[in-house]
Amino acid sequence: MNTLRSGRLYIIGAGFTGQTLAKEIKSKGIFGEVVAFLDDDPEKIGLRLEGISVLGPIRDVAKLLRLHPADEAIIAIPSASREYLEEIYQILKGAGFARIRILPSISQIIDGDAHLIQTRNIDPQDLLGRTPVMVNLRESLRYLRGKRVLVTGAGGSIGSELSRQLLSAGASRLYLFGHGENSIYQIDRDLRLLQEEGVGEKAILVPIIGDLKDRDYTDWILAQLKADVIFHAAAYKHVPMMEENPVAAIDNNLFGTDNLLEGAKKYGVKRFVHITTDKAVEPVSVYGVSKYLCEELVLKTARESGPASSFMVVRFANVLGSRGSIMPLFQRQIEKGGPVTVTHPDMQRWFMTIPEACSLVLQAGGAGDNQSLYLLDMGEPVVIRDLAEQMIRFYGFEPDEDIAIEYVGLRPGERLDEKLVWDHEVASYTDYDRILKLDRQGTRDLDLDTLLSELAPICRLDLSQKEKYRDQKLLKEILRRFVPSYAQALKKPVYA
């Protein structure tokens, strides 16, 4: 959300969403005047809606507009394809609008009920990648009505978007859990502002500062909250950073998840949805290993839990625009004039937008059964070089001519290609678009109890084994014994 300012506004899209927006702007009377709708629908062009003229087609009429220096455009077509958005953006940019805002995707708007506070400046993630799937949030979130819902890592990129979409779930309480004071403060304030403007339903919001690594605290807080459903998004995620801090990765991701699972079982959590990553497949980094072990821990808990509870895993790859991801880095590099750094000309990754990923996670959470492992359909992988070139052009420059692209080589823990499934996993379609179910063939020989007991004195000070505390070398030796792909990776100089 961005600071709103008064001025002349053009709303792009004269459908129900655009009309709702125009009506709100007119009723408030402080955010400017809607000069016109711009639309490509011949049945709307020439009409007056909400007392405002509909002009079009957009490409033709944009050339004729006599814009004032501060005129703004708001794109209010939440169902638009990526290709259409790209076309509209280039037209509006060429017309000279001082600012171009956009409403969120259709998955975040319930029954066309859009609000001005939901608009934000358009950025590259709105134009890159495939068109997100349309998820009927009101229908898919029905299983959460009246429930107490806990989101861990609620201040992060995934957790905060989950929380925004959960406003429409009809939950009785929404617990925003994280250990970053500023990020939890920010998502709490954002959600309260959205509620004040009529977005979603009036769930009671409860911000909670805490650390899942603290087993006693985690047990105590879950006893107090009496959560019905947990979405576990909290994790350290930065691959090279975790290579430098491997004990922290295992301590936070694995033992934090273990603490949360123990509390969930103890205090009767009915539904536990664990969010994981493609880097957990044949992991070659400490981060990937930690997430792989978390997957196994959740599924082990599912096998041991009673029929009243469902523990499940939802796996997906990269999301566009998350904190610490490639897009914010490229943006900063472009803003300083380059170079834009790319690992390797052939490096590729799967991407989807954060809102789409969160909508599908929420849908899978309602559809999933105990012990289920789901994979979000990521489409086709994207070559990172192509992504860099698209971003450079978004900001009005030409790759190599204006902004150089520089290849820097693999960083610790990275590989050129990621895998979405193990060789022993078979993906099948579900009744839900872009949600796949993974079935495992055969059993995996992984003694989690022994592994956790060996790792424990490295992450938790045990005076009887104090020489093991924070011993990175010992930690990697243990992981190497239990995770063959990690052992293989460590033999290669690129991962040393």
Protein backbone atom coordinates (compact mmCIF):
# COMPACT_ATOMS: atom_id res chain seq x y z
CA MET A 1 0.00 0.00 0.00
CA ASN A 2 1.21 3.48 -0.83
CA THR A 3 0.52 6.97 0.42
CA LEU A 4 -2.50 8.28 -1.47
CA ARG A 5 -2.47 11.81 -2.86
CA SER A 6 -5.06 14.09 -4.41
CA GLY A 7 -5.13 14.77 -8.14
CA ARG A 8 -6.71 13.79 -11.43
CA LEU A 9 -7.24 10.07 -11.78
CA TYR A 10 -7.93 7.84 -14.77
CA ILE A 11 -9.31 4.41 -13.96
CA ILE A 12 -8.27 1.73 -16.45
CA GLY A 13 -11.15 -0.73 -16.65
CA ALA A 14 -14.81 0.27 -16.44
CA GLY A 15 -16.06 -3.04 -15.08
CA PHE A 16 -17.60 -3.64 -11.68
CA THR A 17 -14.23 -3.32 -9.92
CA GLY A 18 -13.40 -0.01 -11.60
CA GLN A 19 -16.86 1.36 -10.88
CA THR A 20 -16.60 0.32 -7.22
CA LEU A 21 -13.28 2.14 -7.00
CA ALA A 22 -14.68 5.28 -8.63
CA LYS A 23 -17.63 5.30 -6.25
CA GLU A 24 -15.31 5.08 -3.23
CA ILE A 25 -13.05 7.88 -4.51
CA LYS A 26 -16.08 10.11 -5.08
CA SER A 27 -17.57 9.33 -1.65
CA LYS A 28 -14.35 10.16 0.22
CA GLY A 29 -13.82 13.35 -1.76
CA ILE A 30 -10.19 13.78 -0.70
CA PHE A 31 -8.22 11.52 -3.02
CA GLY A 32 -8.78 13.37 -6.26
CA GLU A 33 -11.22 13.44 -9.16
CA VAL A 34 -11.81 10.56 -11.53
CA VAL A 35 -11.54 12.22 -14.95
CA ALA A 36 -12.48 9.19 -17.05
CA PHE A 37 -12.56 5.44 -17.38
CA LEU A 38 -10.38 3.95 -20.12
CA ASP A 39 -11.58 0.61 -21.50
CA ASP A 40 -11.27 -1.63 -24.56
CA ASP A 41 -14.80 -3.06 -24.35
CA PRO A 42 -16.81 -1.63 -27.29
CA GLU A 43 -20.04 -2.12 -25.31
CA LYS A 44 -18.79 0.23 -22.59
CA ILE A 45 -17.01 2.86 -24.69
CA GLY A 46 -19.15 6.00 -24.92
CA LEU A 47 -21.20 5.27 -21.78
CA ARG A 48 -21.27 7.31 -18.58
CA LEU A 49 -20.86 5.16 -15.47
CA GLU A 50 -21.06 6.69 -12.01
CA GLY A 51 -21.28 9.99 -13.90
CA ILE A 52 -17.88 9.37 -15.53
CA SER A 53 -17.23 8.99 -19.26
CA VAL A 54 -15.84 5.73 -20.62
CA LEU A 55 -13.20 6.39 -23.28
CA GLY A 56 -11.47 3.91 -25.54
CA PRO A 57 -9.95 1.89 -27.04
CA ILE A 58 -7.13 2.46 -24.57
CA ARG A 59 -4.28 2.45 -27.12
CA ASP A 60 -5.99 5.04 -29.32
CA VAL A 61 -7.37 7.37 -26.67
CA ALA A 62 -4.18 7.43 -24.55
CA LYS A 63 -2.42 9.30 -27.37
CA LEU A 64 -5.06 12.03 -27.28
CA LEU A 65 -5.12 12.69 -23.53
CA ARG A 66 -3.99 16.12 -22.37
CA LEU A 67 -2.40 15.07 -19.14
CA HIS A 68 -1.54 17.37 -16.25
CA PRO A 69 1.90 16.85 -14.65
CA ALA A 70 0.49 14.95 -11.64
CA ASP A 71 -2.16 12.85 -13.41
CA GLU A 72 -2.34 9.23 -12.27
CA ALA A 73 -3.69 5.99 -13.70
CA ILE A 74 -5.14 3.12 -11.67
CA ILE A 75 -5.38 -0.24 -13.42
CA ALA A 76 -8.58 -1.86 -12.11
CA ILE A 77 -8.73 -5.09 -14.15
CA PRO A 78 -7.86 -7.76 -11.56
CA SER A 79 -8.51 -10.61 -14.02
CA ALA A 80 -6.20 -9.21 -16.73
CA SER A 81 -3.57 -11.51 -18.20
CA ARG A 82 0.13 -10.72 -17.81
CA GLU A 83 0.34 -9.97 -21.55
CA TYR A 84 -2.56 -7.52 -21.39
CA LEU A 85 -1.14 -5.79 -18.32
CA GLU A 86 2.21 -5.41 -20.08
CA GLU A 87 0.47 -3.85 -23.08
CA ILE A 88 -1.55 -1.44 -20.91
CA TYR A 89 1.50 -0.48 -18.85
CA GLN A 90 3.52 0.40 -21.95
CA ILE A 91 0.63 2.49 -23.31
CA LEU A 92 0.20 4.40 -20.03
CA LYS A 93 3.92 4.87 -19.63
CA GLY A 94 4.16 6.22 -23.17
CA ALA A 95 1.25 8.58 -22.49
CA GLY A 96 3.22 10.19 -19.68
CA PHE A 97 1.29 9.39 -16.52
CA ALA A 98 3.11 10.60 -13.43
CA ARG A 99 2.15 7.48 -11.49
CA ILE A 100 0.63 4.13 -12.41
CA ARG A 101 -1.06 2.10 -9.68
CA ILE A 102 -2.65 -1.31 -9.81
CA LEU A 103 -5.20 -3.25 -7.81
CA PRO A 104 -4.27 -6.72 -6.58
CA SER A 105 -5.05 -9.83 -8.55
CA ILE A 106 -8.54 -11.29 -8.63
CA SER A 107 -7.58 -13.82 -5.95
CA GLN A 108 -7.32 -11.00 -3.40
CA ILE A 109 -10.62 -9.33 -4.27
CA ILE A 110 -13.77 -10.94 -2.93
CA ASP A 111 -16.78 -10.57 -5.23
CA GLY A 112 -15.23 -7.53 -6.94
CA ASP A 113 -15.17 -5.64 -3.64
CA ALA A 114 -12.05 -3.57 -4.35
CA HIS A 115 -10.86 -0.67 -2.22
CA LEU A 116 -8.53 2.24 -2.91
CA ILE A 117 -6.32 1.28 0.03
CA GLN A 118 -5.45 -1.96 -1.81
CA THR A 119 -3.83 -0.12 -4.72
CA ARG A 120 -0.06 0.10 -5.00
CA ASN A 121 2.51 1.25 -7.50
CA ILE A 122 2.89 -1.19 -10.37
CA ASP A 123 6.20 -3.04 -10.35
CA PRO A 124 7.93 -5.72 -12.45
CA GLN A 125 6.36 -8.68 -10.65
CA ASP A 126 2.95 -7.58 -12.00
CA LEU A 127 4.17 -7.99 -15.56
CA LEU A 128 6.55 -10.94 -15.41
CA GLY A 129 5.79 -14.64 -15.50
CA ARG A 130 2.52 -16.35 -16.26
CA THR A 131 -1.02 -15.16 -15.56
CA PRO A 132 -1.95 -16.25 -12.01
CA VAL A 133 -4.76 -18.75 -11.55
CA MET A 134 -8.07 -17.31 -10.31
CA VAL A 135 -8.92 -18.68 -6.88
CA ASN A 136 -12.35 -18.12 -5.35
CA LEU A 137 -11.12 -17.08 -1.93
CA ARG A 138 -14.54 -16.90 -0.31
CA GLU A 139 -15.20 -20.52 -1.28
CA SER A 140 -11.73 -21.91 -0.61
CA LEU A 141 -11.44 -20.27 2.83
CA ARG A 142 -14.78 -21.54 4.09
CA TYR A 143 -13.04 -24.16 6.25
CA LEU A 144 -11.52 -21.37 8.37
CA ARG A 145 -14.78 -19.61 9.30
CA GLY A 146 -15.02 -19.12 13.04
CA LYS A 147 -11.59 -20.71 13.60
CA ARG A 148 -8.52 -19.42 15.42
CA VAL A 149 -5.74 -19.22 12.83
CA LEU A 150 -2.02 -18.86 13.56
CA VAL A 151 0.47 -17.71 10.92
CA THR A 152 4.13 -18.13 11.81
CA GLY A 153 6.57 -15.81 10.07
CA ALA A 154 3.62 -13.44 9.59
CA GLY A 155 5.92 -10.50 8.96
CA GLY A 156 7.71 -12.16 6.03
CA SER A 157 6.84 -12.05 2.35
CA ILE A 158 4.74 -15.24 2.35
CA GLY A 159 3.38 -14.91 5.89
CA SER A 160 2.21 -11.33 5.41
CA GLU A 161 0.37 -12.13 2.16
CA LEU A 162 -1.23 -15.17 3.76
CA SER A 163 -2.42 -12.88 6.53
CA ARG A 164 -3.89 -10.34 4.09
CA GLN A 165 -5.84 -13.03 2.28
CA LEU A 166 -6.91 -14.57 5.58
CA LEU A 167 -8.80 -11.35 6.36
CA SER A 168 -11.48 -12.74 4.06
CA ALA A 169 -11.67 -16.12 5.80
CA GLY A 170 -14.17 -15.20 8.51
CA ALA A 171 -11.75 -16.48 11.16
CA SER A 172 -12.57 -15.49 14.73
CA ARG A 173 -8.95 -14.69 15.51
CA LEU A 174 -5.85 -14.24 13.40
CA TYR A 175 -2.60 -14.66 15.30
CA LEU A 176 0.39 -12.89 13.67
CA PHE A 177 3.48 -14.64 15.01
CA GLY A 178 7.10 -13.67 14.36
CA HIS A 179 10.34 -12.75 16.06
CA GLY A 180 10.89 -9.49 14.16
CA GLU A 181 9.27 -6.63 16.06
CA ASN A 182 9.18 -4.21 13.13
CA SER A 183 7.79 -6.68 10.59
CA ILE A 184 5.02 -7.87 12.92
CA TYR A 185 4.16 -4.27 13.80
CA GLN A 186 3.93 -3.45 10.09
CA ILE A 187 1.67 -6.34 9.07
CA ASP A 188 -0.54 -5.74 12.10
CA ARG A 189 -0.96 -2.06 11.13
CA ASP A 190 -1.53 -2.94 7.46
CA LEU A 191 -4.27 -5.42 8.32
CA ARG A 192 -6.00 -3.01 10.70
CA LEU A 193 -6.01 -0.30 8.02
CA LEU A 194 -7.46 -2.75 5.52
CA GLN A 195 -10.17 -3.71 8.00
CA GLU A 196 -10.98 -0.04 8.65
CA GLU A 197 -11.51 0.45 4.92
CA GLY A 198 -13.87 -2.50 4.65
CA VAL A 199 -11.47 -5.13 3.33
CA GLY A 200 -12.23 -8.63 4.57
CA GLU A 201 -14.06 -9.49 7.77
CA LYS A 202 -13.61 -8.39 11.34
CA ALA A 203 -11.32 -11.06 12.72
CA ILE A 204 -9.62 -10.16 15.99
CA LEU A 205 -5.96 -9.51 15.19
CA VAL A 206 -3.37 -10.59 17.74
CA PRO A 207 0.31 -9.69 17.06
CA ILE A 208 2.74 -11.98 18.88
CA ILE A 209 6.49 -11.54 19.23
CA GLY A 210 8.19 -14.82 19.99
CA ASP A 211 10.81 -17.34 18.96
CA LEU A 212 9.94 -20.88 17.94
CA LYS A 213 13.45 -22.00 18.92
CA ASP A 214 12.41 -21.50 22.56
CA ARG A 215 10.66 -24.81 23.29
CA ASP A 216 9.21 -23.77 26.65
CA TYR A 217 7.84 -20.54 25.23
CA THR A 218 6.39 -22.25 22.16
CA ASP A 219 4.62 -24.78 24.37
CA TRP A 220 3.27 -22.00 26.62
CA ILE A 221 2.03 -19.74 23.81
CA LEU A 222 0.24 -22.56 21.99
CA ALA A 223 -1.51 -23.47 25.23
CA GLN A 224 -2.75 -19.87 25.50
CA LEU A 225 -3.78 -19.41 21.87
CA LYS A 226 -5.81 -22.60 21.41
CA ALA A 227 -5.27 -22.32 17.64
CA ASP A 228 -7.39 -24.51 15.38
CA VAL A 229 -5.20 -24.06 12.29
CA ILE A 230 -1.51 -23.24 11.84
CA PHE A 231 0.14 -22.01 8.64
CA HIS A 232 3.86 -22.44 9.25
CA ALA A 233 5.74 -19.99 7.02
CA ALA A 234 8.54 -19.03 9.42
CA ALA A 235 12.04 -20.01 8.31
CA TYR A 236 15.47 -18.65 7.57
CA LYS A 237 15.53 -18.77 3.76
CA HIS A 238 18.63 -17.08 2.31
CA VAL A 239 20.79 -19.86 0.85
CA PRO A 240 24.30 -18.29 0.90
CA MET A 241 23.63 -16.65 4.28
CA MET A 242 22.68 -20.00 5.77
CA GLU A 243 25.82 -21.56 4.32
CA GLU A 244 27.70 -19.06 6.48
CA ASN A 245 25.46 -19.79 9.48
CA PRO A 246 24.57 -23.50 9.23
CA VAL A 247 23.84 -24.03 12.92
CA ALA A 248 21.37 -21.14 12.88
CA ALA A 249 19.59 -22.70 9.85
CA ILE A 250 19.14 -26.06 11.58
CA ASP A 251 18.31 -24.52 14.96
CA ASN A 252 15.66 -22.17 13.61
CA ASN A 253 14.15 -24.20 10.78
CA LEU A 254 14.33 -27.76 12.06
CA PHE A 255 14.15 -27.42 15.83
CA GLY A 256 11.73 -24.49 15.59
CA THR A 257 9.42 -26.65 13.48
CA ASP A 258 9.85 -29.57 15.87
CA ASN A 259 8.82 -27.37 18.81
CA LEU A 260 5.80 -26.09 16.90
CA LEU A 261 4.71 -29.61 15.93
CA GLU A 262 5.00 -30.88 19.48
CA GLY A 263 2.82 -28.03 20.72
CA ALA A 264 0.33 -28.52 17.89
CA LYS A 265 -0.10 -32.18 18.81
CA LYS A 266 -0.31 -31.46 22.52
CA TYR A 267 -2.91 -28.70 22.28
CA GLY A 268 -5.21 -30.17 19.66
CA VAL A 269 -4.45 -28.15 16.54
CA LYS A 270 -6.82 -29.54 13.92
CA ARG A 271 -4.96 -28.53 10.76
CA PHE A 272 -1.23 -27.84 10.29
CA VAL A 273 0.02 -26.59 6.91
CA HIS A 274 3.78 -26.52 6.48
CA ILE A 275 5.21 -24.37 3.67
CA THR A 276 8.34 -25.73 2.04
CA THR A 277 10.58 -25.21 -0.99
CA ASP A 278 11.95 -26.92 -4.07
CA LYS A 279 15.38 -26.62 -2.46
CA ALA A 280 14.30 -29.43 -0.14
CA VAL A 281 14.45 -31.83 -3.09
CA GLU A 282 17.83 -33.61 -3.21
CA PRO A 283 19.20 -30.73 -1.12
CA VAL A 284 22.74 -29.45 -1.67
CA SER A 285 22.64 -26.54 0.80
CA VAL A 286 22.16 -26.37 4.56
CA TYR A 287 18.97 -24.41 3.98
CA GLY A 288 17.68 -27.08 1.61
CA VAL A 289 18.62 -29.84 4.06
CA SER A 290 16.81 -28.05 6.88
CA LYS A 291 13.63 -27.77 4.82
CA TYR A 292 13.86 -31.39 3.63
CA LEU A 293 14.12 -32.54 7.24
CA CYS A 294 11.17 -30.32 8.16
CA GLU A 295 9.08 -31.96 5.45
CA GLU A 296 9.95 -35.39 6.84
CA LEU A 297 9.23 -34.24 10.39
CA VAL A 298 5.76 -32.94 9.48
CA LEU A 299 4.89 -36.15 7.61
CA LYS A 300 6.21 -38.25 10.51
CA THR A 301 3.99 -36.27 12.88
CA ALA A 302 1.07 -36.84 10.50
CA ARG A 303 1.59 -40.61 10.63
CA GLU A 304 1.63 -40.53 14.43
CA SER A 305 -1.32 -38.17 14.92
CA GLY A 306 -4.91 -39.19 15.55
CA PRO A 307 -7.82 -38.98 13.10
CA ALA A 308 -8.92 -35.57 14.44
CA SER A 309 -5.87 -33.75 13.07
CA SER A 310 -4.40 -33.15 9.61
CA PHE A 311 -0.71 -32.36 9.13
CA MET A 312 0.31 -31.58 5.56
CA VAL A 313 3.09 -30.08 3.45
CA VAL A 314 2.80 -27.64 0.53
CA ARG A 315 5.94 -27.29 -1.61
CA PHE A 316 6.65 -24.63 -4.21
CA ALA A 317 9.63 -22.85 -5.74
CA ASN A 318 10.55 -19.17 -5.93
CA VAL A 319 8.13 -16.28 -5.63
CA LEU A 320 8.52 -12.99 -7.46
CA GLY A 321 9.47 -10.04 -5.30
CA SER A 322 10.01 -11.69 -1.92
CA ARG A 323 12.46 -10.09 0.47
CA GLY A 324 15.98 -11.32 -0.20
CA SER A 325 15.01 -12.69 -3.62
CA ILE A 326 16.51 -11.87 -6.98
CA MET A 327 14.02 -9.18 -8.04
CA PRO A 328 14.68 -6.64 -5.25
CA LEU A 329 18.41 -7.18 -5.81
CA PHE A 330 18.07 -6.53 -9.56
CA GLN A 331 15.99 -3.43 -8.84
CA ARG A 332 18.64 -1.95 -6.54
CA GLN A 333 21.37 -2.75 -9.06
CA ILE A 334 19.41 -1.08 -11.88
CA GLU A 335 18.69 1.99 -9.77
CA LYS A 336 22.41 2.51 -9.19
CA GLY A 337 23.21 2.08 -12.88
CA GLY A 338 24.29 -1.55 -12.88
CA PRO A 339 25.81 -3.95 -13.37
CA VAL A 340 23.04 -6.49 -12.83
CA THR A 341 24.67 -9.66 -11.54
CA VAL A 342 23.53 -13.05 -12.84
CA THR A 343 25.00 -16.32 -11.65
CA HIS A 344 25.34 -18.07 -15.01
CA PRO A 345 23.89 -17.59 -18.52
CA ASP A 346 22.04 -20.93 -18.25
CA MET A 347 20.76 -20.59 -14.68
CA GLN A 348 16.98 -20.98 -14.42
CA ARG A 349 14.34 -21.06 -11.71
CA TRP A 350 10.61 -21.54 -11.36
CA PHE A 351 8.61 -18.50 -10.29
CA MET A 352 5.09 -17.53 -9.31
CA THR A 353 3.71 -14.40 -7.68
CA ILE A 354 3.39 -14.22 -3.91
CA PRO A 355 -0.42 -13.69 -4.03
CA GLU A 356 -0.92 -16.71 -6.29
CA ALA A 357 1.28 -18.94 -4.15
CA CYS A 358 -0.55 -17.89 -0.99
CA SER A 359 -4.00 -18.38 -2.54
CA LEU A 360 -3.03 -21.91 -3.56
CA VAL A 361 -1.53 -22.68 -0.14
CA LEU A 362 -4.77 -21.59 1.53
CA GLN A 363 -6.79 -23.67 -0.92
CA ALA A 364 -4.58 -26.72 -0.41
CA GLY A 365 -4.87 -26.27 3.35
CA GLY A 366 -8.61 -26.78 3.12
CA ALA A 367 -8.53 -29.58 0.59
CA GLY A 368 -5.69 -31.57 2.06
CA ASP A 369 -5.87 -34.73 4.14
CA ASN A 370 -3.56 -35.90 6.86
CA GLN A 371 -0.11 -36.95 5.55
CA SER A 372 -0.69 -35.12 2.25
CA LEU A 373 2.24 -33.67 0.36
CA TYR A 374 1.30 -31.09 -2.27
CA LEU A 375 3.27 -29.37 -5.01
CA LEU A 376 2.14 -26.12 -6.61
CA ASP A 377 2.32 -26.31 -10.40
CA MET A 378 5.08 -23.82 -11.20
CA GLY A 379 4.70 -23.89 -15.00
CA GLU A 380 7.87 -23.52 -17.06
CA PRO A 381 11.20 -22.43 -15.54
CA VAL A 382 12.50 -18.93 -16.26
CA VAL A 383 16.06 -18.24 -17.42
CA ILE A 384 17.46 -15.70 -14.94
CA ARG A 385 19.24 -13.81 -17.73
CA ASP A 386 15.82 -13.27 -19.41
CA LEU A 387 14.35 -12.06 -16.12
CA ALA A 388 17.18 -9.56 -15.72
CA GLU A 389 16.65 -8.24 -19.24
CA GLN A 390 12.89 -7.83 -18.68
CA MET A 391 13.46 -5.90 -15.48
CA ILE A 392 16.00 -3.61 -17.09
CA ARG A 393 13.48 -2.79 -19.84
CA PHE A 394 10.72 -2.22 -17.28
CA TYR A 395 12.77 0.65 -15.86
CA GLY A 396 13.29 2.14 -19.31
CA PHE A 397 16.79 0.91 -20.14
CA GLU A 398 18.29 -1.51 -22.62
CA PRO A 399 20.29 -4.54 -21.42
CA ASP A 400 24.04 -4.31 -22.09
CA GLU A 401 23.64 -0.93 -23.84
CA ASP A 402 22.51 1.06 -20.77
CA ILE A 403 22.80 -1.48 -17.96
CA ALA A 404 25.47 -4.18 -18.07
CA ILE A 405 24.76 -7.79 -17.10
CA GLU A 406 27.66 -9.45 -15.32
CA TYR A 407 28.08 -13.18 -14.60
CA VAL A 408 29.41 -13.89 -11.10
CA GLY A 409 29.33 -17.69 -10.78
CA LEU A 410 27.62 -19.98 -8.29
CA ARG A 411 27.57 -18.94 -4.67
CA PRO A 412 27.89 -21.49 -1.84
CA GLY A 413 24.87 -23.79 -1.70
CA GLU A 414 23.56 -22.87 -5.16
CA ARG A 415 23.06 -25.01 -8.25
CA LEU A 416 22.14 -24.16 -11.82
CA ASP A 417 18.81 -26.00 -11.79
CA GLU A 418 16.39 -26.89 -9.03
CA LYS A 419 14.18 -29.98 -8.93
CA LEU A 420 10.55 -29.97 -7.86
CA VAL A 421 10.18 -33.68 -7.06
CA TRP A 422 12.35 -36.55 -5.91
CA ASP A 423 12.77 -39.60 -8.11
CA HIS A 424 10.60 -41.58 -5.70
CA GLU A 425 7.73 -39.05 -5.83
CA VAL A 426 4.92 -39.20 -8.40
CA ALA A 427 2.82 -36.09 -9.07
CA SER A 428 -0.87 -36.37 -9.92
CA TYR A 429 -3.57 -33.80 -10.64
CA THR A 430 -6.14 -32.83 -8.03
CA ASP A 431 -9.55 -31.19 -8.38
CA TYR A 432 -7.83 -27.83 -7.93
CA ASP A 433 -6.07 -25.97 -10.71
CA ARG A 434 -2.27 -25.83 -10.22
CA ILE A 435 -2.27 -27.98 -7.08
CA LEU A 436 -0.60 -31.37 -7.54
CA LYS A 437 -0.49 -34.20 -5.04
CA LEU A 438 2.76 -36.10 -4.55
CA ASP A 439 2.67 -39.80 -3.76
CA ARG A 440 5.80 -41.55 -2.59
CA GLN A 441 6.88 -44.90 -3.94
CA GLY A 442 8.56 -47.06 -1.33
CA THR A 443 9.93 -45.94 2.04
CA ARG A 444 12.77 -43.64 2.97
CA ASP A 445 15.39 -44.82 5.42
CA LEU A 446 15.68 -41.74 7.61
CA ASP A 447 15.93 -42.06 11.40
CA LEU A 448 14.70 -38.61 12.42
CA ASP A 449 14.78 -39.31 16.16
CA THR A 450 18.46 -40.25 16.05
CA LEU A 451 19.28 -37.32 13.80
CA LEU A 452 17.57 -34.82 16.11
CA SER A 453 19.31 -36.25 19.16
CA GLU A 454 22.72 -35.95 17.47
CA LEU A 455 22.04 -32.36 16.34
CA ALA A 456 20.53 -31.20 19.64
CA PRO A 457 23.78 -30.54 21.60
CA ILE A 458 25.10 -28.49 18.67
CA CYS A 459 22.08 -26.19 18.75
CA ARG A 460 21.28 -26.29 22.50
CA LEU A 461 23.95 -25.98 25.17
CA ASP A 462 24.32 -29.28 27.02
CA LEU A 463 26.95 -28.94 29.74
CA SER A 464 27.70 -32.65 29.53
CA GLN A 465 28.60 -32.18 25.81
CA LYS A 466 29.55 -28.52 25.76
CA GLU A 467 32.39 -29.12 23.28
CA LYS A 468 29.73 -29.80 20.60
CA TYR A 469 27.89 -26.49 21.03
CA ARG A 470 27.75 -24.47 17.75
CA ASP A 471 30.27 -26.81 16.11
CA GLN A 472 29.66 -26.21 12.38
CA LYS A 473 32.04 -28.91 11.23
CA LEU A 474 30.32 -31.56 13.37
CA LEU A 475 26.90 -30.39 12.21
CA LYS A 476 27.86 -30.80 8.56
CA GLU A 477 29.37 -34.24 9.22
CA ILE A 478 26.09 -35.38 10.80
CA LEU A 479 23.98 -33.97 7.96
CA ARG A 480 26.30 -35.62 5.45
CA ARG A 481 25.65 -39.04 6.99
CA PHE A 482 21.88 -38.67 6.88
CA VAL A 483 21.38 -36.77 3.59
CA PRO A 484 23.25 -38.32 0.63
CA SER A 485 22.67 -35.44 -1.80
CA TYR A 486 24.26 -33.03 0.66
CA ALA A 487 27.24 -35.34 1.07
CA GLN A 488 27.71 -35.42 -2.72
CA ALA A 489 27.47 -31.63 -2.97
CA LEU A 490 30.15 -31.10 -0.37
CA LYS A 491 32.60 -33.16 -2.43
CA LYS A 492 32.38 -30.64 -5.27
CA PRO A 493 34.70 -27.60 -5.11
CA VAL A 494 31.85 -25.24 -6.07
CA TYR A 495 30.12 -25.94 -2.77
CA ALA A 496 33.21 -25.97 -0.60
